[in-house]
C-alpha cells in the first residue's frame, strides 16, 4: 500500500476532478500527501495568464520575477492545501525544471506514488514534450496520470 503520495499540480489542474482522485487515493491508503508545483524560470510574459498580472515586476529581473511567481503560486495553491487538509510544510514550490524537481523531491522524501494530470500544458514543455510523459518515463515509483474528461 502507498505510504507517501505526491500530487504534481499545475495551477490549471486545481479543479475538483483531479482533486477528487487525489483525495480518494489518500483516504484509501491513509498515505501522507504532499503537493508540488514547480515554477520554471522563464520570462514573466508567459506566466501572466496563469498567475494573473503582476504589476511592478521588471521583466529584465528574471530572478526577482521567478521568486515573485513562486510566491504567487503559493498564494494560489494554499486553498488547495486547506482542501486536502495538509500542512503548509507539505506544499512545495521549487524553482527549476518540472520533471527534475518532481523526481528529486520524490526520491528525497520516499514518495511511492506520483499523481499528475495527463494533459497539462506548462512552459516550454508544450514544445518539448509532455511533462506527464517525462514523469511517467523517468519516475522510480508508481505514477498515476489522471485523464481529464473532455
C-alpha atoms as a PDB file:
ATOM      1  CA  UNK A   1       0.000   0.000   0.000  1.00  0.00           C
ATOM      2  CA  UNK A   2       1.185   3.541  -0.662  1.00  0.00           C
ATOM      3  CA  UNK A   3       2.773   5.463   2.211  1.00  0.00           C
ATOM      4  CA  UNK A   4       3.573   8.826   0.592  1.00  0.00           C
ATOM      5  CA  UNK A   5       1.649  10.310  -2.338  1.00  0.00           C
ATOM      6  CA  UNK A   6       2.918  13.320  -4.262  1.00  0.00           C
ATOM      7  CA  UNK A   7       0.424  15.364  -6.277  1.00  0.00           C
ATOM      8  CA  UNK A   8       2.304  17.214  -9.027  1.00  0.00           C
ATOM      9  CA  UNK A   9      -0.077  20.121  -9.511  1.00  0.00           C
ATOM     10  CA  UNK A  10      -0.237  22.622 -12.300  1.00  0.00           C
ATOM     11  CA  UNK A  11      -2.195  25.732 -11.497  1.00  0.00           C
ATOM     12  CA  UNK A  12      -4.758  24.861 -14.153  1.00  0.00           C
ATOM     13  CA  UNK A  13      -5.167  21.403 -12.578  1.00  0.00           C
ATOM     14  CA  UNK A  14      -6.509  22.530  -9.235  1.00  0.00           C
ATOM     15  CA  UNK A  15     -10.026  21.619 -10.236  1.00  0.00           C
ATOM     16  CA  UNK A  16     -12.308  19.267  -8.395  1.00  0.00           C
ATOM     17  CA  UNK A  17     -11.904  16.376 -10.871  1.00  0.00           C
ATOM     18  CA  UNK A  18      -8.245  15.690 -10.147  1.00  0.00           C
ATOM     19  CA  UNK A  19      -8.610  16.770  -6.516  1.00  0.00           C
ATOM     20  CA  UNK A  20     -11.283  14.095  -6.060  1.00  0.00           C
ATOM     21  CA  UNK A  21      -8.929  11.406  -7.403  1.00  0.00           C
ATOM     22  CA  UNK A  22      -6.107  12.544  -5.115  1.00  0.00           C
ATOM     23  CA  UNK A  23      -8.431  12.648  -2.091  1.00  0.00           C
ATOM     24  CA  UNK A  24      -9.877   9.209  -2.824  1.00  0.00           C
ATOM     25  CA  UNK A  25      -6.445   7.585  -3.091  1.00  0.00           C
ATOM     26  CA  UNK A  26      -5.156   9.323   0.010  1.00  0.00           C
ATOM     27  CA  UNK A  27      -8.201   8.237   2.016  1.00  0.00           C
ATOM     28  CA  UNK A  28      -7.991   4.682   0.694  1.00  0.00           C
ATOM     29  CA  UNK A  29      -4.308   4.311   1.507  1.00  0.00           C
ATOM     30  CA  UNK A  30      -4.062   6.668   4.517  1.00  0.00           C
ATOM     31  CA  UNK A  31      -0.778   7.783   2.956  1.00  0.00           C
ATOM     32  CA  UNK A  32       0.965  11.061   3.689  1.00  0.00           C
ATOM     33  CA  UNK A  33       0.064  13.592   0.979  1.00  0.00           C
ATOM     34  CA  UNK A  34       2.390  16.242  -0.405  1.00  0.00           C
ATOM     35  CA  UNK A  35       1.694  18.734  -3.183  1.00  0.00           C
ATOM     36  CA  UNK A  36       4.367  20.084  -5.510  1.00  0.00           C
ATOM     37  CA  UNK A  37       4.133  22.810  -8.135  1.00  0.00           C
ATOM     38  CA  UNK A  38       7.330  23.674  -9.973  1.00  0.00           C
ATOM     39  CA  UNK A  39       7.890  27.205 -11.220  1.00  0.00           C
ATOM     40  CA  UNK A  40      10.032  27.241 -14.327  1.00  0.00           C
ATOM     41  CA  UNK A  41      12.396  30.223 -14.543  1.00  0.00           C
ATOM     42  CA  UNK A  42      11.146  31.707 -17.799  1.00  0.00           C
ATOM     43  CA  UNK A  43      10.008  35.233 -18.709  1.00  0.00           C
ATOM     44  CA  UNK A  44       7.150  36.864 -16.835  1.00  0.00           C
ATOM     45  CA  UNK A  45       5.110  37.314 -20.002  1.00  0.00           C
ATOM     46  CA  UNK A  46       4.438  33.565 -20.223  1.00  0.00           C
ATOM     47  CA  UNK A  47       3.019  33.331 -16.705  1.00  0.00           C
ATOM     48  CA  UNK A  48       0.682  36.306 -16.936  1.00  0.00           C
ATOM     49  CA  UNK A  49      -2.348  34.169 -17.826  1.00  0.00           C
ATOM     50  CA  UNK A  50      -1.856  31.507 -15.147  1.00  0.00           C
ATOM     51  CA  UNK A  51      -0.619  33.641 -12.245  1.00  0.00           C
ATOM     52  CA  UNK A  52      -2.521  36.797 -13.118  1.00  0.00           C
ATOM     53  CA  UNK A  53      -0.894  40.095 -13.846  1.00  0.00           C
ATOM     54  CA  UNK A  54       1.923  41.053 -11.534  1.00  0.00           C
ATOM     55  CA  UNK A  55       2.391  44.827 -11.672  1.00  0.00           C
ATOM     56  CA  UNK A  56       5.675  46.362 -10.635  1.00  0.00           C
ATOM     57  CA  UNK A  57       7.865  43.488 -11.797  1.00  0.00           C
ATOM     58  CA  UNK A  58      10.807  44.253 -14.013  1.00  0.00           C
ATOM     59  CA  UNK A  59      10.788  41.679 -16.843  1.00  0.00           C
ATOM     60  CA  UNK A  60      14.571  42.020 -17.074  1.00  0.00           C
ATOM     61  CA  UNK A  61      14.966  40.952 -13.427  1.00  0.00           C
ATOM     62  CA  UNK A  62      14.401  37.252 -14.090  1.00  0.00           C
ATOM     63  CA  UNK A  63      15.474  36.122 -10.607  1.00  0.00           C
ATOM     64  CA  UNK A  64      13.115  38.565  -8.882  1.00  0.00           C
ATOM     65  CA  UNK A  65      10.361  37.710 -11.314  1.00  0.00           C
ATOM     66  CA  UNK A  66      10.808  33.985 -10.736  1.00  0.00           C
ATOM     67  CA  UNK A  67      10.723  34.435  -6.955  1.00  0.00           C
ATOM     68  CA  UNK A  68       7.581  36.533  -7.274  1.00  0.00           C
ATOM     69  CA  UNK A  69       5.999  33.820  -9.420  1.00  0.00           C
ATOM     70  CA  UNK A  70       6.795  31.224  -6.767  1.00  0.00           C
ATOM     71  CA  UNK A  71       5.166  33.415  -4.104  1.00  0.00           C
ATOM     72  CA  UNK A  72       2.108  33.904  -6.318  1.00  0.00           C
ATOM     73  CA  UNK A  73       1.874  30.133  -6.906  1.00  0.00           C
ATOM     74  CA  UNK A  74       1.959  29.595  -3.146  1.00  0.00           C
ATOM     75  CA  UNK A  75      -0.944  32.033  -2.690  1.00  0.00           C
ATOM     76  CA  UNK A  76      -2.938  30.251  -5.393  1.00  0.00           C
ATOM     77  CA  UNK A  77      -2.238  26.762  -4.005  1.00  0.00           C
ATOM     78  CA  UNK A  78      -2.841  27.462  -0.297  1.00  0.00           C
ATOM     79  CA  UNK A  79      -6.626  26.935  -0.670  1.00  0.00           C
ATOM     80  CA  UNK A  80      -5.845  23.557  -2.296  1.00  0.00           C
ATOM     81  CA  UNK A  81      -3.670  22.609   0.681  1.00  0.00           C
ATOM     82  CA  UNK A  82      -6.549  23.531   3.003  1.00  0.00           C
ATOM     83  CA  UNK A  83      -8.995  21.424   0.985  1.00  0.00           C
ATOM     84  CA  UNK A  84      -6.567  18.484   1.205  1.00  0.00           C
ATOM     85  CA  UNK A  85      -6.140  19.191   4.922  1.00  0.00           C
ATOM     86  CA  UNK A  86      -2.355  19.200   4.635  1.00  0.00           C
ATOM     87  CA  UNK A  87       0.114  21.401   6.474  1.00  0.00           C
ATOM     88  CA  UNK A  88       1.830  24.268   4.695  1.00  0.00           C
ATOM     89  CA  UNK A  89       5.110  22.373   5.026  1.00  0.00           C
ATOM     90  CA  UNK A  90       3.629  19.689   2.745  1.00  0.00           C
ATOM     91  CA  UNK A  91       3.096  22.243  -0.046  1.00  0.00           C
ATOM     92  CA  UNK A  92       6.300  22.557  -2.084  1.00  0.00           C
ATOM     93  CA  UNK A  93       7.005  25.146  -4.770  1.00  0.00           C
ATOM     94  CA  UNK A  94      10.557  24.747  -6.039  1.00  0.00           C
ATOM     95  CA  UNK A  95      12.036  26.657  -8.966  1.00  0.00           C
ATOM     96  CA  UNK A  96      13.555  24.624 -11.786  1.00  0.00           C
ATOM     97  CA  UNK A  97      12.791  22.052 -14.459  1.00  0.00           C
ATOM     98  CA  UNK A  98       9.483  20.356 -13.672  1.00  0.00           C
ATOM     99  CA  UNK A  99      10.305  16.673 -14.012  1.00  0.00           C
ATOM    100  CA  UNK A 100      13.740  17.068 -12.417  1.00  0.00           C
ATOM    101  CA  UNK A 101      12.294  18.802  -9.359  1.00  0.00           C
ATOM    102  CA  UNK A 102       9.494  16.229  -9.062  1.00  0.00           C
ATOM    103  CA  UNK A 103      11.994  13.344  -9.284  1.00  0.00           C
ATOM    104  CA  UNK A 104      14.353  14.948  -6.750  1.00  0.00           C
ATOM    105  CA  UNK A 105      11.543  15.524  -4.251  1.00  0.00           C
ATOM    106  CA  UNK A 106      10.108  12.036  -4.770  1.00  0.00           C
ATOM    107  CA  UNK A 107      13.459  10.392  -4.156  1.00  0.00           C
ATOM    108  CA  UNK A 108      14.412  12.561  -1.174  1.00  0.00           C
ATOM    109  CA  UNK A 109      11.028  12.140   0.538  1.00  0.00           C
ATOM    110  CA  UNK A 110      10.485   8.438  -0.290  1.00  0.00           C
ATOM    111  CA  UNK A 111       7.397   9.057  -2.393  1.00  0.00           C
ATOM    112  CA  UNK A 112       5.885   5.835  -3.716  1.00  0.00           C
ATOM    113  CA  UNK A 113       3.123   7.322  -5.903  1.00  0.00           C
ATOM    114  CA  UNK A 114       3.110  10.467  -8.034  1.00  0.00           C
ATOM    115  CA  UNK A 115      -0.250  11.733  -9.293  1.00  0.00           C
ATOM    116  CA  UNK A 116      -0.332  14.118 -12.235  1.00  0.00           C
ATOM    117  CA  UNK A 117      -2.796  15.325 -14.835  1.00  0.00           C
ATOM    118  CA  UNK A 118      -2.499  13.710 -18.245  1.00  0.00           C
ATOM    119  CA  UNK A 119      -2.536  16.791 -20.432  1.00  0.00           C
ATOM    120  CA  UNK A 120      -1.193  19.790 -18.605  1.00  0.00           C
ATOM    121  CA  UNK A 121       0.423  22.439 -20.752  1.00  0.00           C
ATOM    122  CA  UNK A 122       3.194  24.118 -18.820  1.00  0.00           C
ATOM    123  CA  UNK A 123       6.024  26.272 -20.030  1.00  0.00           C
ATOM    124  CA  UNK A 124       8.124  25.183 -22.942  1.00  0.00           C
ATOM    125  CA  UNK A 125       7.118  21.580 -22.263  1.00  0.00           C
ATOM    126  CA  UNK A 126       4.344  22.147 -24.807  1.00  0.00           C
ATOM    127  CA  UNK A 127       7.037  22.284 -27.490  1.00  0.00           C
ATOM    128  CA  UNK A 128       9.437  19.759 -25.993  1.00  0.00           C
ATOM    129  CA  UNK A 129       7.030  17.035 -24.954  1.00  0.00           C
ATOM    130  CA  UNK A 130       4.554  16.345 -22.208  1.00  0.00           C
ATOM    131  CA  UNK A 131       5.528  16.837 -18.586  1.00  0.00           C
ATOM    132  CA  UNK A 132       3.311  13.903 -17.747  1.00  0.00           C
ATOM    133  CA  UNK A 133       5.185  11.773 -20.272  1.00  0.00           C
ATOM    134  CA  UNK A 134       8.514  12.772 -18.724  1.00  0.00           C
ATOM    135  CA  UNK A 135       7.260  11.863 -15.254  1.00  0.00           C
ATOM    136  CA  UNK A 136       5.809   8.549 -16.463  1.00  0.00           C
ATOM    137  CA  UNK A 137       9.087   7.511 -18.074  1.00  0.00           C
ATOM    138  CA  UNK A 138      11.521   8.878 -15.511  1.00  0.00           C
ATOM    139  CA  UNK A 139       9.977   8.225 -12.102  1.00  0.00           C
ATOM    140  CA  UNK A 140      11.379   5.492  -9.893  1.00  0.00           C
ATOM    141  CA  UNK A 141       7.982   4.946  -8.276  1.00  0.00           C
ATOM    142  CA  UNK A 142       4.417   4.392  -9.463  1.00  0.00           C
ATOM    143  CA  UNK A 143       2.763   7.193 -11.413  1.00  0.00           C
ATOM    144  CA  UNK A 144      -0.948   7.795 -11.857  1.00  0.00           C
ATOM    145  CA  UNK A 145      -1.788  10.012 -14.829  1.00  0.00           C
ATOM    146  CA  UNK A 146      -5.338  11.251 -14.385  1.00  0.00           C
ATOM    147  CA  UNK A 147      -7.122  11.840 -17.683  1.00  0.00           C
ATOM    148  CA  UNK A 148      -9.449  14.788 -17.702  1.00  0.00           C
ATOM    149  CA  UNK A 149     -12.954  14.328 -19.043  1.00  0.00           C
ATOM    150  CA  UNK A 150     -13.443  16.037 -22.392  1.00  0.00           C
END
